[in-house]
């Protein structure tokens, strides 16, 4: 397990990154955590990829801010970018459901490339 802070508000974001190959970010639904992806077999099925599983803010081992403005979508998407930056990943496929799908669809389609690891 790794953590990084969202530079916009300092919220700690917990994540796991494993494997090698193109990056796939898995974003869970409401009231769950990154553990769901391993339990459902996604991590094993994605062998050959760098799999990044993120605990969305307010879930799992990530920070749980008290104020409702801390859960704005732009902060969720900034959390994903902070994790990608921490791992040196410039491009990634985003996979999500429920809240995770909303975060994926709201994420910017392009940004300056970070150094590849």
C-alpha atoms as a PDB file:
ATOM      1  CA  UNK A   1       0.000   0.000   0.000  1.00  0.00           C
ATOM      2  CA  UNK A   2       1.200   3.467  -0.903  1.00  0.00           C
ATOM      3  CA  UNK A   3      -0.142   6.933  -0.210  1.00  0.00           C
ATOM      4  CA  UNK A   4       0.152  10.322  -1.810  1.00  0.00           C
ATOM      5  CA  UNK A   5      -1.401  13.687  -1.027  1.00  0.00           C
ATOM      6  CA  UNK A   6      -3.697  15.617  -3.312  1.00  0.00           C
ATOM      7  CA  UNK A   7      -1.811  18.917  -3.763  1.00  0.00           C
ATOM      8  CA  UNK A   8      -5.089  20.856  -3.972  1.00  0.00           C
ATOM      9  CA  UNK A   9      -6.209  20.122  -0.412  1.00  0.00           C
ATOM     10  CA  UNK A  10      -3.676  17.741   1.178  1.00  0.00           C
ATOM     11  CA  UNK A  11      -6.028  14.759   1.470  1.00  0.00           C
ATOM     12  CA  UNK A  12      -4.043  11.510   1.708  1.00  0.00           C
ATOM     13  CA  UNK A  13      -4.985   9.002  -0.978  1.00  0.00           C
ATOM     14  CA  UNK A  14      -4.229   5.307  -0.494  1.00  0.00           C
ATOM     15  CA  UNK A  15      -3.465   3.131  -3.504  1.00  0.00           C
ATOM     16  CA  UNK A  16      -1.694   0.000  -4.720  1.00  0.00           C
ATOM     17  CA  UNK A  17       0.228  -0.327  -7.970  1.00  0.00           C
ATOM     18  CA  UNK A  18       1.446  -3.648  -9.301  1.00  0.00           C
ATOM     19  CA  UNK A  19       2.484  -5.310 -12.520  1.00  0.00           C
ATOM     20  CA  UNK A  20       4.136  -4.042 -15.643  1.00  0.00           C
ATOM     21  CA  UNK A  21       2.753  -2.774 -18.920  1.00  0.00           C
ATOM     22  CA  UNK A  22       0.171  -0.168 -19.901  1.00  0.00           C
ATOM     23  CA  UNK A  23      -1.510   1.383 -16.873  1.00  0.00           C
ATOM     24  CA  UNK A  24      -5.090   0.594 -15.868  1.00  0.00           C
ATOM     25  CA  UNK A  25      -6.601   2.527 -12.958  1.00  0.00           C
ATOM     26  CA  UNK A  26      -9.459   0.798 -11.134  1.00  0.00           C
ATOM     27  CA  UNK A  27     -11.948   3.088  -9.355  1.00  0.00           C
ATOM     28  CA  UNK A  28     -14.468   1.439  -7.014  1.00  0.00           C
ATOM     29  CA  UNK A  29     -18.053   2.382  -6.250  1.00  0.00           C
ATOM     30  CA  UNK A  30     -19.588   4.092  -3.240  1.00  0.00           C
ATOM     31  CA  UNK A  31     -19.132   2.513   0.199  1.00  0.00           C
ATOM     32  CA  UNK A  32     -16.405   0.110  -1.038  1.00  0.00           C
ATOM     33  CA  UNK A  33     -12.613   0.177  -1.353  1.00  0.00           C
ATOM     34  CA  UNK A  34      -9.805  -0.830  -3.673  1.00  0.00           C
ATOM     35  CA  UNK A  35      -9.946  -4.351  -2.201  1.00  0.00           C
ATOM     36  CA  UNK A  36     -13.068  -5.139  -4.233  1.00  0.00           C
ATOM     37  CA  UNK A  37     -11.040  -5.382  -7.460  1.00  0.00           C
ATOM     38  CA  UNK A  38      -8.818  -8.184  -6.155  1.00  0.00           C
ATOM     39  CA  UNK A  39     -11.784 -10.044  -4.681  1.00  0.00           C
ATOM     40  CA  UNK A  40     -13.639  -9.940  -8.019  1.00  0.00           C
ATOM     41  CA  UNK A  41     -10.606 -11.222  -9.947  1.00  0.00           C
ATOM     42  CA  UNK A  42      -9.767  -8.065 -11.890  1.00  0.00           C
ATOM     43  CA  UNK A  43      -6.163  -7.867 -10.677  1.00  0.00           C
ATOM     44  CA  UNK A  44      -5.408 -11.398 -11.862  1.00  0.00           C
ATOM     45  CA  UNK A  45      -7.281 -10.862 -15.143  1.00  0.00           C
ATOM     46  CA  UNK A  46      -5.181  -7.755 -15.849  1.00  0.00           C
ATOM     47  CA  UNK A  47      -1.797  -9.499 -15.757  1.00  0.00           C
ATOM     48  CA  UNK A  48       0.410  -7.770 -18.325  1.00  0.00           C
ATOM     49  CA  UNK A  49      -0.770  -4.334 -17.198  1.00  0.00           C
ATOM     50  CA  UNK A  50       0.301  -1.970 -14.467  1.00  0.00           C
ATOM     51  CA  UNK A  51      -2.788  -2.128 -12.253  1.00  0.00           C
ATOM     52  CA  UNK A  52      -3.424   0.872 -10.006  1.00  0.00           C
ATOM     53  CA  UNK A  53      -6.178   0.462  -7.411  1.00  0.00           C
ATOM     54  CA  UNK A  54      -7.195   3.640  -5.607  1.00  0.00           C
ATOM     55  CA  UNK A  55      -9.219   4.076  -2.422  1.00  0.00           C
ATOM     56  CA  UNK A  56     -11.346   7.069  -3.353  1.00  0.00           C
ATOM     57  CA  UNK A  57     -11.438   9.858  -0.754  1.00  0.00           C
ATOM     58  CA  UNK A  58     -13.758   9.009   2.088  1.00  0.00           C
ATOM     59  CA  UNK A  59     -13.275   5.279   1.493  1.00  0.00           C
ATOM     60  CA  UNK A  60     -10.905   2.543   2.615  1.00  0.00           C
ATOM     61  CA  UNK A  61      -7.589   3.844   3.905  1.00  0.00           C
ATOM     62  CA  UNK A  62      -7.770   7.222   2.137  1.00  0.00           C
ATOM     63  CA  UNK A  63      -8.425  10.441   3.991  1.00  0.00           C
ATOM     64  CA  UNK A  64     -11.963  11.186   5.085  1.00  0.00           C
ATOM     65  CA  UNK A  65     -12.436  14.959   5.158  1.00  0.00           C
ATOM     66  CA  UNK A  66     -15.307  16.233   7.314  1.00  0.00           C
ATOM     67  CA  UNK A  67     -16.580  19.066   5.102  1.00  0.00           C
ATOM     68  CA  UNK A  68     -18.862  18.257   2.169  1.00  0.00           C
ATOM     69  CA  UNK A  69     -17.021  20.619  -0.246  1.00  0.00           C
ATOM     70  CA  UNK A  70     -14.024  18.243   0.077  1.00  0.00           C
ATOM     71  CA  UNK A  71     -15.990  15.733  -2.026  1.00  0.00           C
ATOM     72  CA  UNK A  72     -16.361  17.896  -5.146  1.00  0.00           C
ATOM     73  CA  UNK A  73     -15.679  16.014  -8.357  1.00  0.00           C
ATOM     74  CA  UNK A  74     -12.666  18.146  -9.263  1.00  0.00           C
ATOM     75  CA  UNK A  75     -10.986  16.977  -6.046  1.00  0.00           C
ATOM     76  CA  UNK A  76     -11.745  13.329  -6.860  1.00  0.00           C
ATOM     77  CA  UNK A  77     -10.189  13.717 -10.301  1.00  0.00           C
ATOM     78  CA  UNK A  78      -7.213  15.546  -8.789  1.00  0.00           C
ATOM     79  CA  UNK A  79      -6.750  12.535  -6.476  1.00  0.00           C
ATOM     80  CA  UNK A  80      -6.406  10.262  -9.516  1.00  0.00           C
ATOM     81  CA  UNK A  81      -3.891  12.627 -11.120  1.00  0.00           C
ATOM     82  CA  UNK A  82      -1.901  12.809  -7.852  1.00  0.00           C
ATOM     83  CA  UNK A  83      -1.631   9.004  -7.787  1.00  0.00           C
ATOM     84  CA  UNK A  84      -0.566   8.880 -11.453  1.00  0.00           C
ATOM     85  CA  UNK A  85       2.056  11.551 -10.766  1.00  0.00           C
ATOM     86  CA  UNK A  86       3.318   9.671  -7.697  1.00  0.00           C
ATOM     87  CA  UNK A  87       3.787   6.571  -9.857  1.00  0.00           C
ATOM     88  CA  UNK A  88       5.273   8.481 -12.808  1.00  0.00           C
ATOM     89  CA  UNK A  89       2.443   7.348 -15.088  1.00  0.00           C
ATOM     90  CA  UNK A  90       1.611   9.727 -17.941  1.00  0.00           C
ATOM     91  CA  UNK A  91      -1.209   7.767 -19.583  1.00  0.00           C
ATOM     92  CA  UNK A  92      -3.718   5.321 -18.176  1.00  0.00           C
ATOM     93  CA  UNK A  93      -6.961   3.566 -18.944  1.00  0.00           C
ATOM     94  CA  UNK A  94      -9.601   4.356 -16.311  1.00  0.00           C
ATOM     95  CA  UNK A  95     -12.092   1.675 -15.265  1.00  0.00           C
ATOM     96  CA  UNK A  96     -14.800   2.355 -12.718  1.00  0.00           C
ATOM     97  CA  UNK A  97     -18.338   1.734 -11.648  1.00  0.00           C
ATOM     98  CA  UNK A  98     -20.821   3.789  -9.644  1.00  0.00           C
ATOM     99  CA  UNK A  99     -18.874   6.675  -8.087  1.00  0.00           C
ATOM    100  CA  UNK A 100     -15.691   5.367  -9.723  1.00  0.00           C
ATOM    101  CA  UNK A 101     -17.275   5.633 -13.181  1.00  0.00           C
ATOM    102  CA  UNK A 102     -18.309   9.227 -12.467  1.00  0.00           C
ATOM    103  CA  UNK A 103     -14.719  10.032 -11.471  1.00  0.00           C
ATOM    104  CA  UNK A 104     -13.384   8.316 -14.612  1.00  0.00           C
ATOM    105  CA  UNK A 105     -15.784  10.167 -16.930  1.00  0.00           C
ATOM    106  CA  UNK A 106     -14.975  13.478 -15.204  1.00  0.00           C
ATOM    107  CA  UNK A 107     -11.200  13.043 -15.474  1.00  0.00           C
ATOM    108  CA  UNK A 108      -9.414  15.181 -18.034  1.00  0.00           C
ATOM    109  CA  UNK A 109      -8.822  13.278 -21.298  1.00  0.00           C
ATOM    110  CA  UNK A 110      -5.355  14.744 -21.748  1.00  0.00           C
ATOM    111  CA  UNK A 111      -2.685  16.393 -19.687  1.00  0.00           C
ATOM    112  CA  UNK A 112       1.038  16.933 -20.033  1.00  0.00           C
ATOM    113  CA  UNK A 113       2.794  13.587 -19.898  1.00  0.00           C
ATOM    114  CA  UNK A 114       4.565  12.693 -16.682  1.00  0.00           C
ATOM    115  CA  UNK A 115       7.800  10.687 -16.888  1.00  0.00           C
ATOM    116  CA  UNK A 116       7.103   6.987 -17.498  1.00  0.00           C
ATOM    117  CA  UNK A 117       8.373   4.538 -14.976  1.00  0.00           C
END
